[in-house]
Amino acid sequence: MSALLEVSHLNAFYGASHVLQDISLVVEQGKIICLLGRNGMGKSTTLKTIMGLVRPKAGTIHFKGQQIAGMPPHQISRLGVGYVPEERAMFPTLSVLDNLLMGKKRGRADKAGKLDTWSLERIYGHFPILKDRCAAKAAILSGGEQQMLTLARTLMGNPELLLVDEPTEGLAPLMVKEIRDVLSEINKAGVTVLLVEHNLKVALSLADHIYLMGKAHIGFGGTREDLEAQPDIKRKYLEV
């Protein structure tokens, strides 16, 4: 597999606070990569910096070989990066259907020239509950349904890489499982995922590769097996 995203020696600040310090990671095409760590370590900021919502002070971000560090978010989105924020940003007064249509962009062509598009029909196949609630206002959906709507709307933009920030936060166990299963399905459908997730069980069930963040830095990178073989590392970066 080739690298879809390469982040190298990334540094970012909030005012005088050095929130990302020499962050380097690789996201291979077709994989699910999990970025884990305690609260306040810089995981969400890493996604925001990749997406152009935080401007890096130093370092590089290459997507499909193109340098995107410092680009505005709309340009990064057009290149094929989708972002699902932790706060489940949506249009609460619009219907589910209108929210989905707001995210619609032209699909990308594969090597054979065939257009690969996340149509409404395809979205409803992965998110049948959204089809049932298509006329409902987004504001009245449950937390889990809102999370699915945010994921689905982002997919309507036909991303090659999906940045997902804490998708199971605050959800009931049954909905956590549904979100986990949907992320797996999305990945199997060809979308690469960089996932920030507090639920270790969910993350380990999905991850092809794991990065652990300490305060503003990457402290570990490896497979699930690598992590399980190093309980001291697991305790250092994950246990409260």
Protein backbone atom coordinates (compact mmCIF):
# COMPACT_ATOMS: atom_id res chain seq x y z
CA MET A 1 0.00 0.00 0.00
CA SER A 2 1.16 3.55 -0.75
CA ALA A 3 0.97 6.49 1.62
CA LEU A 4 -2.12 8.63 1.05
CA LEU A 5 -1.19 11.13 3.77
CA GLU A 6 2.25 11.92 5.19
CA VAL A 7 2.68 14.33 8.09
CA SER A 8 6.27 15.23 8.91
CA HIS A 9 7.65 17.29 11.83
CA LEU A 10 4.40 19.23 12.19
CA ASN A 11 4.39 22.08 14.70
CA ALA A 12 1.45 24.30 15.64
CA PHE A 13 0.64 26.90 18.29
CA TYR A 14 -2.41 28.32 20.03
CA GLY A 15 -1.03 31.74 20.90
CA ALA A 16 2.14 31.06 22.88
CA SER A 17 1.16 27.44 23.61
CA HIS A 18 3.12 24.89 21.53
CA VAL A 19 0.24 22.43 20.96
CA LEU A 20 1.86 20.18 18.32
CA GLN A 21 5.55 19.38 18.61
CA ASP A 22 7.24 17.58 15.72
CA ILE A 23 4.23 15.39 14.88
CA SER A 24 4.97 12.77 12.20
CA LEU A 25 2.60 10.07 10.99
CA VAL A 26 1.72 8.12 7.84
CA VAL A 27 -1.74 7.07 6.66
CA GLU A 28 -1.64 4.31 4.06
CA GLN A 29 -4.24 4.05 1.32
CA GLY A 30 -7.21 1.88 2.28
CA LYS A 31 -6.33 1.63 5.99
CA ILE A 32 -7.89 2.78 9.26
CA ILE A 33 -5.32 4.62 11.34
CA CYS A 34 -6.18 5.46 14.95
CA LEU A 35 -4.73 8.39 16.89
CA LEU A 36 -5.21 7.74 20.60
CA GLY A 37 -4.28 9.36 23.90
CA ARG A 38 -5.66 11.08 26.95
CA ASN A 39 -7.71 14.28 26.71
CA GLY A 40 -5.79 17.45 25.90
CA MET A 41 -2.84 15.77 24.19
CA GLY A 42 -3.40 17.40 20.77
CA LYS A 43 -5.29 14.71 18.87
CA SER A 44 -8.12 16.95 17.67
CA THR A 45 -5.64 19.72 16.90
CA THR A 46 -3.72 17.31 14.69
CA LEU A 47 -6.85 16.64 12.61
CA LYS A 48 -7.71 20.35 12.48
CA THR A 49 -4.20 21.20 11.29
CA ILE A 50 -4.34 18.55 8.56
CA MET A 51 -7.72 19.98 7.50
CA GLY A 52 -6.40 23.55 7.41
CA LEU A 53 -8.44 24.80 10.37
CA VAL A 54 -5.23 25.42 12.33
CA ARG A 55 -2.29 26.88 10.47
CA PRO A 56 0.99 25.04 11.15
CA LYS A 57 4.08 26.95 12.18
CA ALA A 58 6.48 24.37 10.69
CA GLY A 59 6.47 20.94 9.07
CA THR A 60 4.84 19.38 6.03
CA ILE A 61 1.57 17.65 5.20
CA HIS A 62 1.47 15.75 1.92
CA PHE A 63 -1.81 14.37 0.57
CA LYS A 64 -1.37 12.17 -2.52
CA GLY A 65 2.09 13.67 -2.81
CA GLN A 66 0.88 17.27 -2.79
CA GLN A 67 1.93 19.67 -0.05
CA ILE A 68 -1.26 20.94 1.63
CA ALA A 69 0.09 22.46 4.86
CA GLY A 70 -1.35 25.95 5.25
CA MET A 71 -3.97 25.56 2.52
CA PRO A 72 -7.50 26.78 3.39
CA PRO A 73 -10.00 24.04 4.34
CA HIS A 74 -12.15 24.36 1.22
CA GLN A 75 -9.16 23.66 -1.03
CA ILE A 76 -8.13 20.66 1.04
CA SER A 77 -11.70 19.37 0.88
CA ARG A 78 -11.72 19.66 -2.91
CA LEU A 79 -8.58 17.55 -3.09
CA GLY A 80 -10.43 14.67 -1.41
CA VAL A 81 -10.17 15.11 2.37
CA GLY A 82 -13.35 14.95 4.46
CA TYR A 83 -13.60 16.07 8.09
CA VAL A 84 -16.12 14.89 10.71
CA PRO A 85 -15.72 17.18 13.74
CA GLU A 86 -16.33 16.12 17.33
CA GLU A 87 -19.14 18.67 17.74
CA ARG A 88 -21.29 17.06 14.99
CA ALA A 89 -21.62 20.24 12.94
CA MET A 90 -24.84 20.24 10.93
CA PHE A 91 -27.70 22.49 9.88
CA PRO A 92 -30.27 21.91 12.67
CA THR A 93 -33.22 23.66 11.01
CA LEU A 94 -32.80 21.77 7.73
CA SER A 95 -34.12 18.28 7.05
CA VAL A 96 -31.89 15.23 6.99
CA LEU A 97 -32.18 15.15 3.19
CA ASP A 98 -31.25 18.83 2.83
CA ASN A 99 -28.26 18.33 5.15
CA LEU A 100 -27.06 15.49 2.94
CA LEU A 101 -27.50 17.51 -0.24
CA MET A 102 -25.51 20.40 1.28
CA GLY A 103 -22.47 18.09 1.33
CA LYS A 104 -22.79 16.89 -2.25
CA LYS A 105 -19.79 17.23 -4.54
CA ARG A 106 -18.75 15.60 -7.78
CA GLY A 107 -17.26 12.11 -7.44
CA ARG A 108 -13.70 11.17 -8.30
CA ALA A 109 -12.75 8.98 -11.24
CA ASP A 110 -10.98 5.69 -10.66
CA LYS A 111 -8.12 4.41 -12.81
CA ALA A 112 -10.59 3.08 -15.37
CA GLY A 113 -12.25 6.49 -15.62
CA LYS A 114 -15.42 5.35 -13.85
CA LEU A 115 -16.92 7.95 -11.53
CA ASP A 116 -16.92 6.87 -7.87
CA THR A 117 -19.79 8.75 -6.23
CA TRP A 118 -21.51 8.58 -2.86
CA SER A 119 -25.09 9.00 -4.09
CA LEU A 120 -28.14 9.26 -1.85
CA GLU A 121 -28.98 5.66 -2.70
CA ARG A 122 -25.52 4.51 -1.64
CA ILE A 123 -25.66 6.62 1.54
CA TYR A 124 -29.05 5.16 2.48
CA GLY A 125 -27.64 1.68 1.96
CA HIS A 126 -25.07 2.34 4.69
CA PHE A 127 -27.32 4.54 6.84
CA PRO A 128 -30.88 3.15 6.51
CA ILE A 129 -32.04 5.14 9.54
CA LEU A 130 -31.36 8.37 7.63
CA LYS A 131 -33.66 7.24 4.84
CA ASP A 132 -36.40 6.63 7.40
CA ARG A 133 -35.80 10.10 8.90
CA CYS A 134 -35.08 11.96 5.65
CA ALA A 135 -37.88 14.54 6.17
CA ALA A 136 -37.11 15.15 9.85
CA LYS A 137 -35.28 18.26 11.02
CA ALA A 138 -31.69 17.49 12.02
CA ALA A 139 -32.24 19.16 15.41
CA ILE A 140 -34.69 16.47 16.57
CA LEU A 141 -32.42 13.50 15.82
CA SER A 142 -30.79 11.57 18.64
CA GLY A 143 -27.07 12.03 19.28
CA GLY A 144 -26.25 8.84 17.42
CA GLU A 145 -28.46 9.77 14.48
CA GLN A 146 -26.81 13.20 14.32
CA GLN A 147 -23.40 11.52 14.27
CA MET A 148 -24.51 9.30 11.39
CA LEU A 149 -25.85 12.35 9.55
CA THR A 150 -22.54 14.17 9.96
CA LEU A 151 -20.63 11.14 8.67
CA ALA A 152 -23.02 10.68 5.77
CA ARG A 153 -22.97 14.35 4.77
CA THR A 154 -19.18 14.29 4.71
CA LEU A 155 -19.25 11.19 2.50
CA MET A 156 -21.50 13.05 0.06
CA GLY A 157 -18.37 15.10 -0.70
CA ASN A 158 -16.71 11.89 -2.01
CA PRO A 159 -13.55 11.99 0.13
CA GLU A 160 -10.64 9.62 -0.34
CA LEU A 161 -9.50 10.33 3.22
CA LEU A 162 -11.90 10.78 6.12
CA LEU A 163 -10.71 12.53 9.29
CA VAL A 164 -13.07 11.50 12.11
CA ASP A 165 -12.91 13.09 15.57
CA GLU A 166 -14.43 11.19 18.55
CA PRO A 167 -17.46 9.73 16.73
CA THR A 168 -18.72 7.64 19.69
CA GLU A 169 -18.36 10.33 22.37
CA GLY A 170 -21.45 10.42 24.61
CA LEU A 171 -23.36 7.71 22.75
CA ALA A 172 -25.24 4.75 24.21
CA PRO A 173 -23.50 1.36 23.83
CA LEU A 174 -25.84 0.15 21.06
CA MET A 175 -25.22 3.30 19.02
CA VAL A 176 -21.47 3.02 19.66
CA LYS A 177 -21.56 -0.39 17.99
CA GLU A 178 -23.55 1.00 15.03
CA ILE A 179 -21.05 3.83 14.49
CA ARG A 180 -18.18 1.36 14.76
CA ASP A 181 -19.79 -0.93 12.18
CA VAL A 182 -20.51 1.98 9.84
CA LEU A 183 -16.87 3.13 9.97
CA SER A 184 -15.78 -0.41 9.08
CA GLU A 185 -18.23 -0.51 6.16
CA ILE A 186 -17.08 2.89 4.90
CA ASN A 187 -13.49 1.72 4.97
CA LYS A 188 -14.35 -1.50 3.13
CA ALA A 189 -16.10 0.66 0.52
CA GLY A 190 -12.75 2.27 -0.26
CA VAL A 191 -12.42 5.27 2.07
CA THR A 192 -9.23 5.63 4.09
CA VAL A 193 -9.83 6.76 7.70
CA LEU A 194 -7.76 8.67 10.25
CA LEU A 195 -9.70 8.25 13.49
CA VAL A 196 -9.43 9.96 16.86
CA GLU A 197 -11.34 7.82 19.36
CA HIS A 198 -11.50 7.69 23.18
CA ASN A 199 -13.11 4.23 23.25
CA LEU A 200 -10.10 1.90 23.22
CA LYS A 201 -12.19 -1.19 22.47
CA VAL A 202 -13.69 0.44 19.39
CA ALA A 203 -10.34 1.78 18.24
CA LEU A 204 -8.52 -1.53 18.60
CA SER A 205 -11.30 -3.36 16.75
CA LEU A 206 -10.86 -1.05 13.74
CA ALA A 207 -7.22 0.00 13.62
CA ASP A 208 -4.70 -1.26 11.09
CA HIS A 209 -2.10 0.99 12.72
CA ILE A 210 -2.08 3.00 15.96
CA TYR A 211 -0.37 6.19 17.05
CA LEU A 212 -0.35 7.21 20.73
CA MET A 213 -0.04 10.87 21.69
CA GLY A 214 1.56 12.24 24.81
CA LYS A 215 1.41 15.97 25.49
CA ALA A 216 1.74 17.55 22.01
CA HIS A 217 3.87 14.70 20.63
CA ILE A 218 3.67 11.17 19.21
CA GLY A 219 4.98 8.65 21.72
CA PHE A 220 4.25 5.37 19.95
CA GLY A 221 3.44 4.02 16.52
CA GLY A 222 2.67 0.40 15.68
CA THR A 223 0.07 -2.31 15.17
CA ARG A 224 -2.47 -3.59 17.70
CA GLU A 225 -0.18 -6.52 18.34
CA ASP A 226 2.76 -4.19 18.97
CA LEU A 227 0.71 -2.24 21.50
CA GLU A 228 -0.64 -5.30 23.30
CA ALA A 229 2.93 -6.60 23.62
CA GLN A 230 4.00 -3.41 25.44
CA PRO A 231 1.69 -2.95 28.45
CA ASP A 232 3.99 -0.29 29.90
CA ILE A 233 3.47 1.86 26.80
CA LYS A 234 -0.28 1.31 27.01
CA ARG A 235 -0.30 2.40 30.65
CA LYS A 236 1.90 5.42 29.99
CA TYR A 237 -0.22 6.91 27.19
CA LEU A 238 -3.73 5.61 27.75
CA GLU A 239 -4.46 4.90 31.40
CA VAL A 240 -5.68 7.75 33.61
